[in-house]
Each structure stands twice: as structure tokens, then as C-alpha cells.
N, C-alpha and C. Protein backbone atom coordinates (compact mmCIF):
# COMPACT_ATOMS: atom_id res chain seq x y z
N MET A 1 10.19 15.11 6.44
CA MET A 1 10.45 14.98 5.01
C MET A 1 9.39 14.07 4.40
N THR A 2 8.85 14.46 3.27
CA THR A 2 7.82 13.68 2.60
C THR A 2 8.47 12.69 1.64
N LYS A 3 7.94 11.49 1.66
CA LYS A 3 8.42 10.42 0.79
C LYS A 3 7.21 9.86 0.05
N ALA A 4 7.40 9.46 -1.21
CA ALA A 4 6.32 8.84 -1.99
C ALA A 4 6.88 7.62 -2.70
N VAL A 5 6.11 6.52 -2.64
CA VAL A 5 6.53 5.28 -3.29
C VAL A 5 5.33 4.61 -3.95
N SER A 6 5.64 3.79 -4.94
CA SER A 6 4.68 2.89 -5.55
C SER A 6 5.04 1.50 -5.04
N VAL A 7 4.02 0.75 -4.60
CA VAL A 7 4.25 -0.57 -4.02
C VAL A 7 3.40 -1.59 -4.77
N LYS A 8 4.06 -2.59 -5.38
CA LYS A 8 3.34 -3.67 -6.06
C LYS A 8 3.52 -4.93 -5.24
N VAL A 9 2.39 -5.48 -4.79
CA VAL A 9 2.39 -6.66 -3.92
C VAL A 9 1.84 -7.84 -4.71
N THR A 10 2.60 -8.92 -4.77
CA THR A 10 2.16 -10.12 -5.49
C THR A 10 2.04 -11.30 -4.54
N GLY A 11 1.30 -12.28 -4.98
CA GLY A 11 1.01 -13.47 -4.17
C GLY A 11 -0.50 -13.64 -4.11
N ARG A 12 -0.96 -14.24 -3.02
CA ARG A 12 -2.42 -14.34 -2.81
C ARG A 12 -2.84 -13.10 -2.05
N VAL A 13 -3.11 -12.03 -2.81
CA VAL A 13 -3.39 -10.73 -2.21
C VAL A 13 -4.73 -10.15 -2.64
N GLN A 14 -5.43 -10.82 -3.55
CA GLN A 14 -6.78 -10.40 -3.91
C GLN A 14 -7.76 -11.41 -3.32
N GLY A 15 -8.91 -10.90 -2.90
CA GLY A 15 -9.92 -11.77 -2.30
C GLY A 15 -9.66 -12.08 -0.84
N VAL A 16 -8.74 -11.35 -0.22
CA VAL A 16 -8.39 -11.57 1.19
C VAL A 16 -8.50 -10.26 2.00
N SER A 17 -9.23 -9.28 1.45
CA SER A 17 -9.43 -7.97 2.09
C SER A 17 -8.14 -7.17 2.24
N PHE A 18 -7.17 -7.41 1.36
CA PHE A 18 -5.90 -6.70 1.44
C PHE A 18 -6.11 -5.19 1.36
N ARG A 19 -6.95 -4.73 0.42
CA ARG A 19 -7.16 -3.29 0.26
C ARG A 19 -7.78 -2.67 1.50
N TRP A 20 -8.75 -3.34 2.09
CA TRP A 20 -9.41 -2.78 3.27
C TRP A 20 -8.43 -2.68 4.44
N TYR A 21 -7.65 -3.74 4.65
CA TYR A 21 -6.67 -3.70 5.75
C TYR A 21 -5.57 -2.69 5.46
N ALA A 22 -5.18 -2.53 4.19
CA ALA A 22 -4.19 -1.51 3.83
C ALA A 22 -4.74 -0.12 4.13
N PHE A 23 -6.01 0.10 3.81
CA PHE A 23 -6.66 1.38 4.11
C PHE A 23 -6.61 1.65 5.62
N ARG A 24 -6.95 0.64 6.39
CA ARG A 24 -6.94 0.77 7.85
C ARG A 24 -5.53 1.08 8.38
N GLU A 25 -4.54 0.37 7.86
CA GLU A 25 -3.16 0.59 8.29
C GLU A 25 -2.66 1.97 7.87
N ALA A 26 -3.03 2.40 6.68
CA ALA A 26 -2.63 3.72 6.20
C ALA A 26 -3.20 4.82 7.10
N ARG A 27 -4.44 4.66 7.51
CA ARG A 27 -5.04 5.65 8.42
C ARG A 27 -4.32 5.64 9.76
N ARG A 28 -3.98 4.45 10.26
CA ARG A 28 -3.27 4.35 11.54
C ARG A 28 -1.91 5.04 11.46
N LEU A 29 -1.23 4.87 10.33
CA LEU A 29 0.11 5.44 10.15
C LEU A 29 0.09 6.89 9.66
N ASP A 30 -1.10 7.38 9.28
CA ASP A 30 -1.26 8.74 8.76
C ASP A 30 -0.46 8.95 7.47
N VAL A 31 -0.57 7.97 6.55
CA VAL A 31 -0.01 8.15 5.21
C VAL A 31 -1.17 8.35 4.24
N HIS A 32 -0.85 8.88 3.08
CA HIS A 32 -1.87 9.22 2.09
C HIS A 32 -1.59 8.49 0.79
N GLY A 33 -2.61 8.45 -0.08
CA GLY A 33 -2.46 7.81 -1.39
C GLY A 33 -3.65 6.94 -1.71
N TRP A 34 -3.38 5.75 -2.27
CA TRP A 34 -4.47 4.86 -2.68
C TRP A 34 -3.96 3.43 -2.79
N VAL A 35 -4.91 2.51 -2.90
CA VAL A 35 -4.61 1.10 -3.11
C VAL A 35 -5.67 0.54 -4.05
N ARG A 36 -5.24 -0.36 -4.97
CA ARG A 36 -6.20 -0.97 -5.90
C ARG A 36 -5.73 -2.35 -6.32
N ASN A 37 -6.69 -3.18 -6.74
CA ASN A 37 -6.39 -4.47 -7.34
C ASN A 37 -5.98 -4.25 -8.80
N GLU A 38 -5.05 -5.06 -9.27
CA GLU A 38 -4.61 -4.99 -10.65
C GLU A 38 -5.12 -6.22 -11.41
N PRO A 39 -5.29 -6.10 -12.72
CA PRO A 39 -5.79 -7.24 -13.51
C PRO A 39 -4.91 -8.49 -13.43
N ASP A 40 -3.63 -8.34 -13.14
CA ASP A 40 -2.73 -9.50 -13.07
C ASP A 40 -2.78 -10.24 -11.73
N GLY A 41 -3.67 -9.81 -10.83
CA GLY A 41 -3.81 -10.46 -9.53
C GLY A 41 -3.00 -9.82 -8.42
N SER A 42 -2.23 -8.81 -8.74
CA SER A 42 -1.45 -8.11 -7.72
C SER A 42 -2.27 -6.98 -7.11
N VAL A 43 -1.70 -6.35 -6.11
CA VAL A 43 -2.27 -5.14 -5.51
C VAL A 43 -1.23 -4.04 -5.68
N LEU A 44 -1.67 -2.88 -6.14
CA LEU A 44 -0.79 -1.74 -6.34
C LEU A 44 -1.22 -0.63 -5.39
N ALA A 45 -0.23 0.00 -4.77
CA ALA A 45 -0.52 1.11 -3.86
C ALA A 45 0.42 2.27 -4.14
N HIS A 46 -0.09 3.47 -3.96
CA HIS A 46 0.72 4.68 -3.96
C HIS A 46 0.65 5.19 -2.53
N VAL A 47 1.81 5.35 -1.90
CA VAL A 47 1.86 5.74 -0.49
C VAL A 47 2.78 6.94 -0.35
N GLU A 48 2.31 7.96 0.34
CA GLU A 48 3.14 9.13 0.59
C GLU A 48 2.90 9.70 1.97
N GLY A 49 3.93 10.36 2.47
CA GLY A 49 3.83 10.96 3.80
C GLY A 49 5.20 11.01 4.45
N ASP A 50 5.20 11.06 5.77
CA ASP A 50 6.43 11.06 6.55
C ASP A 50 7.25 9.82 6.20
N GLU A 51 8.55 9.99 6.04
CA GLU A 51 9.42 8.90 5.60
C GLU A 51 9.30 7.65 6.48
N ALA A 52 9.31 7.82 7.78
CA ALA A 52 9.22 6.67 8.67
C ALA A 52 7.86 5.97 8.54
N ALA A 53 6.80 6.74 8.38
CA ALA A 53 5.46 6.16 8.24
C ALA A 53 5.32 5.42 6.91
N VAL A 54 5.87 5.97 5.84
CA VAL A 54 5.83 5.29 4.53
C VAL A 54 6.61 3.99 4.62
N ASP A 55 7.79 4.02 5.24
CA ASP A 55 8.58 2.80 5.41
C ASP A 55 7.82 1.76 6.22
N ALA A 56 7.09 2.19 7.24
CA ALA A 56 6.30 1.27 8.06
C ALA A 56 5.16 0.67 7.24
N MET A 57 4.55 1.46 6.35
CA MET A 57 3.47 0.94 5.49
C MET A 57 4.02 -0.09 4.52
N VAL A 58 5.19 0.17 3.95
CA VAL A 58 5.83 -0.80 3.04
C VAL A 58 6.12 -2.08 3.80
N GLU A 59 6.61 -1.97 5.01
CA GLU A 59 6.90 -3.15 5.82
C GLU A 59 5.62 -3.94 6.10
N TRP A 60 4.51 -3.24 6.38
CA TRP A 60 3.24 -3.93 6.58
C TRP A 60 2.84 -4.69 5.32
N CYS A 61 3.08 -4.10 4.15
CA CYS A 61 2.72 -4.75 2.88
C CYS A 61 3.47 -6.06 2.68
N ARG A 62 4.59 -6.23 3.33
CA ARG A 62 5.39 -7.45 3.17
C ARG A 62 4.70 -8.68 3.76
N HIS A 63 3.70 -8.46 4.61
CA HIS A 63 2.94 -9.60 5.14
C HIS A 63 1.44 -9.42 4.93
N GLY A 64 0.93 -8.19 4.97
CA GLY A 64 -0.49 -7.92 4.74
C GLY A 64 -1.37 -8.53 5.81
N PRO A 65 -2.67 -8.68 5.51
CA PRO A 65 -3.59 -9.25 6.49
C PRO A 65 -3.36 -10.76 6.64
N SER A 66 -3.98 -11.33 7.65
CA SER A 66 -3.71 -12.72 8.01
C SER A 66 -4.02 -13.72 6.90
N TYR A 67 -5.01 -13.47 6.05
CA TYR A 67 -5.36 -14.42 4.99
C TYR A 67 -4.52 -14.26 3.72
N ALA A 68 -3.71 -13.21 3.66
CA ALA A 68 -2.85 -12.99 2.50
C ALA A 68 -1.62 -13.89 2.56
N SER A 69 -1.07 -14.13 1.40
CA SER A 69 0.20 -14.85 1.29
C SER A 69 1.06 -14.05 0.31
N VAL A 70 1.85 -13.14 0.85
CA VAL A 70 2.63 -12.23 0.03
C VAL A 70 3.88 -12.94 -0.49
N ARG A 71 4.06 -12.92 -1.80
CA ARG A 71 5.22 -13.53 -2.43
C ARG A 71 6.33 -12.51 -2.63
N ASP A 72 5.96 -11.29 -3.08
CA ASP A 72 6.97 -10.28 -3.37
C ASP A 72 6.37 -8.89 -3.20
N VAL A 73 7.23 -7.96 -2.84
CA VAL A 73 6.85 -6.55 -2.74
C VAL A 73 7.90 -5.75 -3.50
N ALA A 74 7.48 -5.09 -4.56
CA ALA A 74 8.38 -4.25 -5.36
C ALA A 74 8.07 -2.79 -5.04
N VAL A 75 9.09 -2.07 -4.63
CA VAL A 75 8.93 -0.67 -4.23
C VAL A 75 9.74 0.21 -5.17
N THR A 76 9.10 1.23 -5.72
CA THR A 76 9.80 2.20 -6.55
C THR A 76 9.45 3.60 -6.08
N GLU A 77 10.40 4.51 -6.25
CA GLU A 77 10.14 5.90 -5.90
C GLU A 77 9.05 6.45 -6.80
N ALA A 78 8.27 7.36 -6.25
CA ALA A 78 7.17 7.97 -7.00
C ALA A 78 7.13 9.47 -6.72
N ARG A 79 6.40 10.16 -7.53
CA ARG A 79 6.17 11.59 -7.30
C ARG A 79 5.04 11.76 -6.30
N SER A 80 5.20 12.71 -5.42
CA SER A 80 4.14 13.02 -4.47
C SER A 80 2.98 13.68 -5.21
N SER A 81 1.78 13.23 -4.91
CA SER A 81 0.59 13.82 -5.54
C SER A 81 0.02 14.96 -4.71
N GLY A 82 0.45 15.06 -3.46
CA GLY A 82 -0.05 16.11 -2.60
C GLY A 82 -1.41 15.80 -1.98
N THR A 83 -1.88 14.59 -2.15
CA THR A 83 -3.18 14.23 -1.58
C THR A 83 -3.13 14.22 -0.06
N ASP A 84 -4.27 14.41 0.57
CA ASP A 84 -4.32 14.38 2.02
C ASP A 84 -5.26 13.28 2.52
N VAL A 85 -5.55 12.30 1.66
CA VAL A 85 -6.41 11.17 2.03
C VAL A 85 -5.76 9.87 1.55
N PHE A 86 -6.26 8.77 2.05
CA PHE A 86 -5.90 7.44 1.52
C PHE A 86 -7.20 6.79 1.13
N GLU A 87 -7.26 6.27 -0.09
CA GLU A 87 -8.52 5.71 -0.59
C GLU A 87 -8.32 4.36 -1.25
N ILE A 88 -9.39 3.60 -1.26
CA ILE A 88 -9.42 2.35 -2.01
C ILE A 88 -9.97 2.68 -3.38
N ARG A 89 -9.24 2.30 -4.40
CA ARG A 89 -9.70 2.53 -5.77
C ARG A 89 -10.20 1.23 -6.37
N TYR A 90 -11.23 1.37 -7.19
CA TYR A 90 -11.86 0.20 -7.82
C TYR A 90 -11.70 0.26 -9.32
């Protein structure tokens, strides 16, 4: 079953390679979508794929890479875009 979510991560999540590590984790989990920095200092991601893999990606976002300090992760349901890649957006 395919699941799609929007994930907003707040805290010290910019300037710590969060997007690059998220890209790496997404490839490992075989989920699709994108990740980008937001003007408010948060990181926003769209993640879709197998339900268990999407849940695992959300769980990874709760801590992120070692230099990150995640304060909050807000998850909302999203529409599947049908993409077959995961990319870093600028």
C-alpha cells in the first residue's frame, strides 16, 4: 500500500546536512519525494512509498543526522505525486 506524507522538521536542522542525509536515508528505504530548506529555518519533506518505509523515514526525521537538534516533527497526510525518485530541492 502506498502512503504519502508531508513532514515539517523544526529545530537546528539547516546547516547540518539534514537534506543530504535525508536523501541518503530515503534511497536506503526506497521512498520517493523531495526535501528542501524553508525560509523559516525548518526542513520540509514530501515522502511517499510503502507504508512501513514511509513510517521509518518519518522516524528517522525525529532525530536526523548527528549534528541536527530536532525540536519537533509535524506529519500530515499528502497526495501521492507518483514520482519514482527522491530529490533535494533548492
